[in-house]
Amino acid sequence: SYSDIHGISGELHETPLLIAQSLALMEQEINRIQTKDAYNLAESIKPEYVHDPAFRLKFLRGEHFSARPAAQKFVNHFEMKRQLFGASKL
């Protein structure tokens, strides 16, 4: 099938419960990451942006709701943003 040939996994049905649980797990994983200076700086500048569920959900969807890699990519996002655009643009 098309999915098998292209390595696409089955469709994941997003439910409010899945989203809530995944966001909570992602928060736990973010808290476990030791080195996250840019994330911490962004959180201190604009916490409503850093904690926006819709924003975090993009990272979860990109990782098929796997919290640990989504959290790492989320933290890496802020580091790359700081490197490319400077701390004032976090």
C-alpha atoms as a PDB file:
ATOM      1  CA  SER A   1       0.000   0.000   0.000  1.00  0.00           C
ATOM      2  CA  TYR A   2       0.970   3.672  -0.300  1.00  0.00           C
ATOM      3  CA  SER A   3       1.550   3.925   3.450  1.00  0.00           C
ATOM      4  CA  ASP A   4       3.826   0.889   3.488  1.00  0.00           C
ATOM      5  CA  ILE A   5       5.880   2.067   0.519  1.00  0.00           C
ATOM      6  CA  HIS A   6       6.407   5.542   1.978  1.00  0.00           C
ATOM      7  CA  GLY A   7       6.851   4.499   5.592  1.00  0.00           C
ATOM      8  CA  ILE A   8       3.793   6.410   6.766  1.00  0.00           C
ATOM      9  CA  SER A   9       2.287   5.164   9.989  1.00  0.00           C
ATOM     10  CA  GLY A  10      -1.432   4.826  10.509  1.00  0.00           C
ATOM     11  CA  GLU A  11      -3.486   7.906  11.182  1.00  0.00           C
ATOM     12  CA  LEU A  12      -3.593   8.956  14.804  1.00  0.00           C
ATOM     13  CA  HIS A  13      -6.967  10.130  16.043  1.00  0.00           C
ATOM     14  CA  GLU A  14      -6.493  13.195  18.194  1.00  0.00           C
ATOM     15  CA  THR A  15      -8.869  13.259  21.111  1.00  0.00           C
ATOM     16  CA  PRO A  16      -9.040  15.891  23.837  1.00  0.00           C
ATOM     17  CA  LEU A  17      -7.725  13.267  26.269  1.00  0.00           C
ATOM     18  CA  LEU A  18      -4.757  12.357  24.032  1.00  0.00           C
ATOM     19  CA  ILE A  19      -3.892  16.029  23.609  1.00  0.00           C
ATOM     20  CA  ALA A  20      -4.143  16.792  27.342  1.00  0.00           C
ATOM     21  CA  GLN A  21      -2.105  13.745  28.339  1.00  0.00           C
ATOM     22  CA  SER A  22       0.526  14.410  25.688  1.00  0.00           C
ATOM     23  CA  LEU A  23       0.895  18.061  26.693  1.00  0.00           C
ATOM     24  CA  ALA A  24       1.344  17.006  30.335  1.00  0.00           C
ATOM     25  CA  LEU A  25       3.954  14.413  29.383  1.00  0.00           C
ATOM     26  CA  MET A  26       5.747  16.948  27.212  1.00  0.00           C
ATOM     27  CA  GLU A  27       5.897  19.361  30.152  1.00  0.00           C
ATOM     28  CA  GLN A  28       7.444  16.613  32.301  1.00  0.00           C
ATOM     29  CA  GLU A  29      10.015  15.877  29.605  1.00  0.00           C
ATOM     30  CA  ILE A  30      10.878  19.578  29.227  1.00  0.00           C
ATOM     31  CA  ASN A  31      11.448  19.740  32.989  1.00  0.00           C
ATOM     32  CA  ARG A  32      13.883  16.809  32.740  1.00  0.00           C
ATOM     33  CA  ILE A  33      16.077  18.542  30.159  1.00  0.00           C
ATOM     34  CA  GLN A  34      19.052  19.980  32.012  1.00  0.00           C
ATOM     35  CA  THR A  35      20.497  22.390  29.437  1.00  0.00           C
ATOM     36  CA  LYS A  36      17.836  24.752  28.138  1.00  0.00           C
ATOM     37  CA  ASP A  37      19.125  28.287  28.577  1.00  0.00           C
ATOM     38  CA  ALA A  38      17.346  29.741  25.544  1.00  0.00           C
ATOM     39  CA  TYR A  39      14.084  28.058  26.584  1.00  0.00           C
ATOM     40  CA  ASN A  40      14.411  29.482  30.100  1.00  0.00           C
ATOM     41  CA  LEU A  41      15.141  32.938  28.720  1.00  0.00           C
ATOM     42  CA  ALA A  42      12.154  32.789  26.359  1.00  0.00           C
ATOM     43  CA  GLU A  43       9.960  31.607  29.231  1.00  0.00           C
ATOM     44  CA  SER A  44      11.046  34.566  31.365  1.00  0.00           C
ATOM     45  CA  ILE A  45      10.419  37.030  28.508  1.00  0.00           C
ATOM     46  CA  LYS A  46       7.074  35.725  27.262  1.00  0.00           C
ATOM     47  CA  PRO A  47       5.691  32.763  29.231  1.00  0.00           C
ATOM     48  CA  GLU A  48       2.326  32.837  27.465  1.00  0.00           C
ATOM     49  CA  TYR A  49       4.129  32.108  24.172  1.00  0.00           C
ATOM     50  CA  VAL A  50       6.308  29.326  25.580  1.00  0.00           C
ATOM     51  CA  HIS A  51       3.368  27.663  27.365  1.00  0.00           C
ATOM     52  CA  ASP A  52       0.829  28.075  24.556  1.00  0.00           C
ATOM     53  CA  PRO A  53      -0.764  24.627  24.091  1.00  0.00           C
ATOM     54  CA  ALA A  54      -1.401  25.222  20.377  1.00  0.00           C
ATOM     55  CA  PHE A  55       2.292  26.016  19.850  1.00  0.00           C
ATOM     56  CA  ARG A  56       3.452  22.957  21.792  1.00  0.00           C
ATOM     57  CA  LEU A  57       0.955  20.783  19.961  1.00  0.00           C
ATOM     58  CA  LYS A  58       2.788  21.459  16.697  1.00  0.00           C
ATOM     59  CA  PHE A  59       5.886  19.779  18.122  1.00  0.00           C
ATOM     60  CA  LEU A  60       3.865  16.850  19.455  1.00  0.00           C
ATOM     61  CA  ARG A  61       2.211  16.333  16.083  1.00  0.00           C
ATOM     62  CA  GLY A  62       5.594  16.466  14.382  1.00  0.00           C
ATOM     63  CA  GLU A  63       6.732  13.601  16.607  1.00  0.00           C
ATOM     64  CA  HIS A  64       3.482  11.595  16.425  1.00  0.00           C
ATOM     65  CA  PHE A  65       2.694  12.516  20.040  1.00  0.00           C
ATOM     66  CA  SER A  66       5.946  11.112  21.421  1.00  0.00           C
ATOM     67  CA  ALA A  67       6.608  13.477  24.328  1.00  0.00           C
ATOM     68  CA  ARG A  68      10.370  13.085  24.779  1.00  0.00           C
ATOM     69  CA  PRO A  69      11.451  13.904  21.211  1.00  0.00           C
ATOM     70  CA  ALA A  70       8.811  16.639  20.992  1.00  0.00           C
ATOM     71  CA  ALA A  71      10.167  18.232  24.175  1.00  0.00           C
ATOM     72  CA  GLN A  72      13.742  18.068  22.896  1.00  0.00           C
ATOM     73  CA  LYS A  73      12.795  19.633  19.571  1.00  0.00           C
ATOM     74  CA  PHE A  74      10.826  22.314  21.406  1.00  0.00           C
ATOM     75  CA  VAL A  75      13.830  23.219  23.553  1.00  0.00           C
ATOM     76  CA  ASN A  76      16.125  23.046  20.498  1.00  0.00           C
ATOM     77  CA  HIS A  77      13.760  25.406  18.667  1.00  0.00           C
ATOM     78  CA  PHE A  78      14.476  28.178  21.156  1.00  0.00           C
ATOM     79  CA  GLU A  79      18.214  27.577  21.022  1.00  0.00           C
ATOM     80  CA  MET A  80      18.240  27.764  17.231  1.00  0.00           C
ATOM     81  CA  LYS A  81      16.017  30.831  17.278  1.00  0.00           C
ATOM     82  CA  ARG A  82      18.442  32.534  19.669  1.00  0.00           C
ATOM     83  CA  GLN A  83      21.426  31.591  17.496  1.00  0.00           C
ATOM     84  CA  LEU A  84      19.809  32.809  14.298  1.00  0.00           C
ATOM     85  CA  PHE A  85      17.981  35.915  15.475  1.00  0.00           C
ATOM     86  CA  GLY A  86      19.391  36.833  18.886  1.00  0.00           C
ATOM     87  CA  ALA A  87      17.994  36.707  22.408  1.00  0.00           C
ATOM     88  CA  SER A  88      15.733  39.717  21.827  1.00  0.00           C
ATOM     89  CA  LYS A  89      13.691  37.711  19.289  1.00  0.00           C
ATOM     90  CA  LEU A  90      12.931  34.783  21.568  1.00  0.00           C
END
